[in-house]
Amino acid sequence: MTTDIKKYDFKTGLPQEFEIVDIAELYKDFKDTLTITHRTGFYNIIWFDQGSPIHLVDFSPIKIKPNTLLFLNKDTVQRFDNKTKFSGKVILFTDSFFCKTETDTKFLRNSILFNDLFSVSQIQIERQLKLFTDLLYQMTDELRNTKDNSQSDILRNLLHNFLLYSERERRKQNFTEINKSADLDYVMLFKDLLEKDYKNKKQVNYYAKEIIITEKRLNQATTKVLGKSPKEIIDDRIMLEAKRILAHTNESIKEIGYNLGFEEPTNFIKYFKKHSQFTPTEFREKNTLA
């Protein structure tokens, strides 16, 4: 185990903060990195074209079938399979590459591919294989061109189309659609704020004030959309991070609690046990992953 979950930023020195990489090449150079728990500060679209590996996302093992696209938001904790043979491509990009306008930012923040409120998004593309293959080839060919004033726009448009076709397929494949509404807008704003501030801000009233609504209104929104209160969602996010660090690092209980905003280790231990029925030490012993 390491002392922290390793986080990787986008590779420096590339013409664009957009890259398409063959999984075999990644394994050749970075197998030891990929097959331990890590997170990236950018978006991942993983195209598994052959093989049936198990991809670990947080504590959920995802069984992959050939020609699966898996969509992972930035900072998602993941681990590639180190036992099963498989092949494919990985499309990597950053916010700064894709989000050139408010419309771009809104699309990415609300995309069901990276912000599914109930599961990790994956789609089977066998029926549309040629469509997705052609788009991938177009993006790959454009990346081979010398960078000019048009390249970033061309790549972004191609990627946007790739995501739009993916959303269409996602909606056809056992997806639970949440109707657009003020409730959903408030939930998305709340989750964005929570992702930035959960370590230091644990009170519902803070998030309600930031969104400029009452606590009661925020509770109505989260209950209707997710079936949970804002406090439950805050607790879920804190517990997820606590479990990640306990399972994948050897940081002390005191360090973990302090980094998650608990000034006293005893407060963190009580909080963790209240929400999981285990002490942090007991959870670590049961869930440590080599």
Protein backbone atom coordinates (compact mmCIF):
# COMPACT_ATOMS: atom_id res chain seq x y z
CA MET A 1 0.00 0.00 0.00
CA THR A 2 1.05 3.62 -0.48
CA THR A 3 0.60 6.56 1.81
CA ASP A 4 -2.08 8.04 -0.41
CA ILE A 5 -4.25 7.18 -3.41
CA LYS A 6 -2.04 8.29 -6.27
CA LYS A 7 -3.56 11.01 -8.41
CA TYR A 8 -2.31 11.63 -11.95
CA ASP A 9 -2.64 14.91 -13.81
CA PHE A 10 -2.76 15.16 -17.59
CA LYS A 11 0.51 14.56 -19.40
CA THR A 12 2.37 17.79 -20.05
CA GLY A 13 3.82 18.79 -23.40
CA LEU A 14 1.04 17.50 -25.67
CA PRO A 15 -0.41 19.80 -28.36
CA GLN A 16 -3.89 19.34 -26.84
CA GLU A 17 -5.14 18.18 -23.46
CA PHE A 18 -6.77 15.37 -25.38
CA GLU A 19 -5.22 11.98 -26.08
CA ILE A 20 -6.17 8.57 -27.48
CA VAL A 21 -3.97 5.76 -26.19
CA ASP A 22 -3.87 2.05 -26.96
CA ILE A 23 -4.37 -0.03 -23.81
CA ALA A 24 -1.58 -2.40 -24.84
CA GLU A 25 0.83 0.54 -24.99
CA LEU A 26 -0.37 1.75 -21.60
CA TYR A 27 0.21 -1.68 -20.10
CA LYS A 28 3.64 -1.88 -21.69
CA ASP A 29 4.77 1.33 -20.00
CA PHE A 30 2.52 1.72 -16.96
CA LYS A 31 1.10 -1.67 -15.95
CA ASP A 32 2.24 -1.28 -12.34
CA THR A 33 0.52 2.09 -12.18
CA LEU A 34 -2.73 1.03 -13.86
CA THR A 35 -3.22 -2.13 -11.81
CA ILE A 36 -3.06 -0.41 -8.44
CA THR A 37 -5.75 1.91 -7.17
CA HIS A 38 -5.38 5.41 -8.60
CA ARG A 39 -7.33 8.41 -9.75
CA THR A 40 -6.87 10.88 -12.60
CA GLY A 41 -7.59 14.59 -12.72
CA PHE A 42 -9.20 14.20 -16.15
CA TYR A 43 -12.00 12.30 -17.90
CA ASN A 44 -11.59 8.69 -19.08
CA ILE A 45 -13.52 6.91 -21.82
CA ILE A 46 -12.27 3.32 -21.89
CA TRP A 47 -13.14 1.26 -24.96
CA PHE A 48 -12.71 -2.45 -24.23
CA ASP A 49 -12.85 -4.01 -27.69
CA GLN A 50 -11.71 -7.55 -26.77
CA GLY A 51 -11.65 -9.59 -23.58
CA SER A 52 -13.78 -9.61 -20.45
CA PRO A 53 -11.78 -8.00 -17.65
CA ILE A 54 -13.09 -6.79 -14.31
CA HIS A 55 -12.56 -3.06 -13.86
CA LEU A 56 -12.67 -1.87 -10.26
CA VAL A 57 -14.38 1.48 -9.69
CA ASP A 58 -14.26 2.38 -6.02
CA PHE A 59 -15.62 -0.75 -4.34
CA SER A 60 -17.65 -1.93 -7.32
CA PRO A 61 -16.15 -4.60 -9.63
CA ILE A 62 -17.53 -3.95 -13.11
CA LYS A 63 -17.67 -6.98 -15.38
CA ILE A 64 -16.76 -5.89 -18.88
CA LYS A 65 -17.91 -7.45 -22.16
CA PRO A 66 -16.21 -6.96 -25.54
CA ASN A 67 -17.07 -3.64 -27.22
CA THR A 68 -17.97 -1.86 -24.00
CA LEU A 69 -17.45 1.85 -23.45
CA LEU A 70 -16.89 2.82 -19.82
CA PHE A 71 -17.16 6.49 -18.81
CA LEU A 72 -15.28 7.70 -15.73
CA ASN A 73 -15.47 11.21 -14.34
CA LYS A 74 -12.31 12.96 -13.25
CA ASP A 75 -11.02 11.93 -9.80
CA THR A 76 -12.85 8.60 -9.93
CA VAL A 77 -10.89 5.92 -8.07
CA GLN A 78 -10.23 2.95 -10.36
CA ARG A 79 -8.01 -0.07 -10.95
CA PHE A 80 -7.41 -2.01 -14.16
CA ASP A 81 -7.47 -5.80 -14.25
CA ASN A 82 -4.06 -7.44 -13.87
CA LYS A 83 -5.15 -11.04 -14.53
CA THR A 84 -7.28 -11.01 -17.67
CA LYS A 85 -6.10 -10.37 -21.22
CA PHE A 86 -7.99 -7.60 -23.00
CA SER A 87 -7.41 -4.83 -25.51
CA GLY A 88 -8.84 -1.48 -26.46
CA LYS A 89 -8.34 2.27 -26.42
CA VAL A 90 -8.58 5.02 -23.83
CA ILE A 91 -9.79 8.53 -24.68
CA LEU A 92 -8.50 11.10 -22.20
CA PHE A 93 -9.39 14.78 -21.96
CA THR A 94 -9.58 17.66 -19.52
CA ASP A 95 -12.08 20.34 -18.62
CA SER A 96 -9.83 22.99 -20.14
CA PHE A 97 -9.82 21.14 -23.47
CA PHE A 98 -13.57 20.60 -23.73
CA CYS A 99 -15.08 23.56 -21.87
CA LYS A 100 -14.52 26.61 -24.06
CA THR A 101 -17.98 28.09 -23.47
CA GLU A 102 -20.64 28.00 -20.75
CA THR A 103 -22.63 25.68 -23.00
CA ASP A 104 -19.72 23.23 -23.13
CA THR A 105 -19.35 23.33 -19.36
CA LYS A 106 -23.07 22.80 -18.80
CA PHE A 107 -23.12 19.86 -21.22
CA LEU A 108 -20.24 18.10 -19.49
CA ARG A 109 -21.52 18.79 -15.97
CA ASN A 110 -24.95 17.43 -16.84
CA SER A 111 -23.93 14.56 -19.11
CA ILE A 112 -25.47 11.27 -18.05
CA LEU A 113 -22.21 9.62 -19.06
CA PHE A 114 -20.10 11.20 -16.36
CA ASN A 115 -22.79 12.20 -13.89
CA ASP A 116 -25.14 9.24 -13.66
CA LEU A 117 -26.55 9.64 -10.17
CA PHE A 118 -27.15 5.92 -9.72
CA SER A 119 -24.32 3.99 -11.39
CA VAL A 120 -21.12 4.09 -13.43
CA SER A 121 -22.05 4.62 -17.08
CA GLN A 122 -21.22 1.92 -19.58
CA ILE A 123 -22.69 1.06 -22.96
CA GLN A 124 -22.49 -1.82 -25.41
CA ILE A 125 -21.72 -0.57 -28.93
CA GLU A 126 -21.90 -3.72 -31.06
CA ARG A 127 -24.92 -2.47 -32.98
CA GLN A 128 -23.25 0.90 -33.67
CA LEU A 129 -19.69 -0.37 -33.97
CA LYS A 130 -18.96 1.24 -37.33
CA LEU A 131 -20.28 4.61 -36.18
CA PHE A 132 -18.07 4.71 -33.08
CA THR A 133 -15.08 3.22 -34.90
CA ASP A 134 -15.29 5.89 -37.60
CA LEU A 135 -15.44 8.67 -35.01
CA LEU A 136 -12.46 7.21 -33.17
CA TYR A 137 -10.47 7.01 -36.44
CA GLN A 138 -11.35 10.61 -37.29
CA MET A 139 -10.14 11.82 -33.89
CA THR A 140 -6.98 9.71 -34.15
CA ASP A 141 -6.21 11.01 -37.65
CA GLU A 142 -6.71 14.61 -36.55
CA LEU A 143 -4.34 14.12 -33.63
CA ARG A 144 -1.64 13.05 -36.11
CA ASN A 145 -1.91 16.37 -37.94
CA THR A 146 0.30 19.28 -37.05
CA LYS A 147 -1.45 21.54 -34.57
CA ASP A 148 -3.04 24.61 -36.13
CA ASN A 149 -5.78 27.09 -35.27
CA SER A 150 -8.52 24.63 -36.25
CA GLN A 151 -7.34 21.44 -34.59
CA SER A 152 -8.75 21.95 -31.11
CA ASP A 153 -12.18 22.91 -32.50
CA ILE A 154 -12.23 19.90 -34.84
CA LEU A 155 -11.25 17.49 -32.05
CA ARG A 156 -13.73 19.00 -29.62
CA ASN A 157 -16.55 18.76 -32.17
CA LEU A 158 -15.69 15.13 -32.92
CA LEU A 159 -15.54 14.32 -29.20
CA HIS A 160 -18.82 16.14 -28.63
CA ASN A 161 -20.46 13.99 -31.32
CA PHE A 162 -18.92 10.87 -29.79
CA LEU A 163 -20.47 11.81 -26.44
CA LEU A 164 -23.85 12.66 -27.96
CA TYR A 165 -24.05 9.29 -29.74
CA SER A 166 -22.97 7.63 -26.51
CA GLU A 167 -25.73 9.37 -24.57
CA ARG A 168 -28.26 8.21 -27.15
CA GLU A 169 -27.08 4.62 -26.73
CA ARG A 170 -27.01 4.93 -22.94
CA ARG A 171 -30.67 5.90 -22.92
CA LYS A 172 -31.51 2.77 -24.90
CA GLN A 173 -29.68 0.45 -22.50
CA ASN A 174 -31.51 0.12 -19.21
CA PHE A 175 -31.02 3.74 -18.17
CA THR A 176 -33.22 5.39 -15.54
CA GLU A 177 -33.99 8.84 -16.93
CA ILE A 178 -34.47 11.72 -14.51
CA ASN A 179 -36.68 14.39 -16.00
CA LYS A 180 -35.12 17.82 -16.22
CA SER A 181 -36.50 20.05 -13.51
CA ALA A 182 -35.57 22.63 -10.90
CA ASP A 183 -35.13 19.73 -8.46
CA LEU A 184 -32.51 18.10 -10.70
CA ASP A 185 -30.75 21.44 -11.23
CA TYR A 186 -30.51 21.96 -7.46
CA VAL A 187 -29.21 18.41 -6.95
CA MET A 188 -26.48 18.87 -9.56
CA LEU A 189 -25.44 22.21 -8.05
CA PHE A 190 -25.39 20.62 -4.61
CA LYS A 191 -23.26 17.68 -5.77
CA ASP A 192 -20.79 20.00 -7.54
CA LEU A 193 -20.39 22.08 -4.38
CA LEU A 194 -20.16 19.00 -2.22
CA GLU A 195 -17.35 17.58 -4.32
CA LYS A 196 -15.30 20.71 -3.67
CA ASP A 197 -16.15 21.32 -0.02
CA TYR A 198 -17.13 18.06 1.70
CA LYS A 199 -13.91 17.84 3.71
CA ASN A 200 -14.50 21.16 5.43
CA LYS A 201 -18.21 21.85 5.11
CA LYS A 202 -20.55 19.23 6.56
CA GLN A 203 -23.62 21.34 7.36
CA VAL A 204 -26.64 21.37 5.06
CA ASN A 205 -27.24 25.08 5.67
CA TYR A 206 -23.88 25.95 4.07
CA TYR A 207 -24.83 24.28 0.78
CA ALA A 208 -28.35 25.69 0.80
CA LYS A 209 -26.99 29.22 1.26
CA GLU A 210 -24.48 28.74 -1.56
CA ILE A 211 -27.25 27.60 -3.91
CA ILE A 212 -29.47 30.44 -2.57
CA ILE A 213 -32.36 28.24 -1.47
CA THR A 214 -33.70 27.12 1.90
CA GLU A 215 -32.67 23.89 3.59
CA LYS A 216 -36.25 22.70 3.23
CA ARG A 217 -36.19 23.31 -0.53
CA LEU A 218 -32.87 21.49 -0.90
CA ASN A 219 -34.25 18.57 1.08
CA GLN A 220 -37.30 18.43 -1.20
CA ALA A 221 -35.04 18.32 -4.27
CA THR A 222 -32.66 15.60 -3.09
CA THR A 223 -35.46 13.48 -1.66
CA LYS A 224 -37.43 13.62 -4.91
CA VAL A 225 -34.46 12.95 -7.21
CA LEU A 226 -32.30 10.61 -5.12
CA GLY A 227 -34.53 9.46 -2.29
CA LYS A 228 -32.05 10.82 0.27
CA SER A 229 -31.77 13.89 2.45
CA PRO A 230 -28.91 16.37 1.91
CA LYS A 231 -27.36 15.22 5.18
CA GLU A 232 -27.38 11.59 4.00
CA ILE A 233 -25.69 12.61 0.75
CA ILE A 234 -23.02 14.58 2.64
CA ASP A 235 -22.40 11.60 4.92
CA ASP A 236 -22.22 9.24 1.91
CA ARG A 237 -19.53 11.39 0.27
CA ILE A 238 -17.43 11.64 3.43
CA MET A 239 -17.73 7.91 4.05
CA LEU A 240 -16.80 7.06 0.45
CA GLU A 241 -13.56 9.02 0.73
CA ALA A 242 -12.82 7.58 4.16
CA LYS A 243 -13.30 4.04 2.84
CA ARG A 244 -11.15 4.76 -0.21
CA ILE A 245 -8.24 5.95 1.91
CA LEU A 246 -8.62 3.20 4.50
CA ALA A 247 -8.70 0.44 1.89
CA HIS A 248 -6.01 1.72 -0.43
CA THR A 249 -3.43 3.51 1.75
CA ASN A 250 -1.66 3.09 5.04
CA GLU A 251 -2.40 6.56 6.37
CA SER A 252 -3.07 6.54 10.10
CA ILE A 253 -6.61 6.85 11.42
CA LYS A 254 -5.64 10.19 12.94
CA GLU A 255 -4.34 11.50 9.59
CA ILE A 256 -7.40 10.33 7.70
CA GLY A 257 -9.78 11.91 10.19
CA TYR A 258 -7.88 15.19 10.20
CA ASN A 259 -7.77 15.33 6.38
CA LEU A 260 -11.53 14.80 6.30
CA GLY A 261 -12.17 17.68 8.69
CA PHE A 262 -12.30 15.89 12.05
CA GLU A 263 -10.08 17.62 14.59
CA GLU A 264 -10.18 14.71 17.04
CA PRO A 265 -9.55 11.07 16.05
CA THR A 266 -12.28 9.92 18.44
CA ASN A 267 -14.85 12.03 16.58
CA PHE A 268 -13.88 10.42 13.28
CA ILE A 269 -14.00 6.91 14.77
CA LYS A 270 -17.47 7.53 16.25
CA TYR A 271 -18.70 9.04 12.97
CA PHE A 272 -17.35 6.14 10.89
CA LYS A 273 -18.83 3.50 13.16
CA LYS A 274 -22.19 5.25 13.19
CA HIS A 275 -22.37 5.12 9.39
CA SER A 276 -20.81 1.74 8.69
CA GLN A 277 -21.20 -0.41 11.83
CA PHE A 278 -17.40 -0.87 11.80
CA THR A 279 -14.56 1.10 13.29
CA PRO A 280 -12.06 2.44 10.74
CA THR A 281 -9.55 -0.20 11.81
CA GLU A 282 -12.09 -3.02 11.42
CA PHE A 283 -13.07 -1.74 7.96
CA ARG A 284 -9.43 -1.54 6.88
CA GLU A 285 -8.76 -5.12 8.00
CA LYS A 286 -11.76 -6.39 6.02
CA ASN A 287 -11.18 -4.36 2.87
CA THR A 288 -7.48 -3.85 2.37
CA LEU A 289 -6.66 -4.51 -1.28
CA ALA A 290 -3.22 -5.64 -2.25
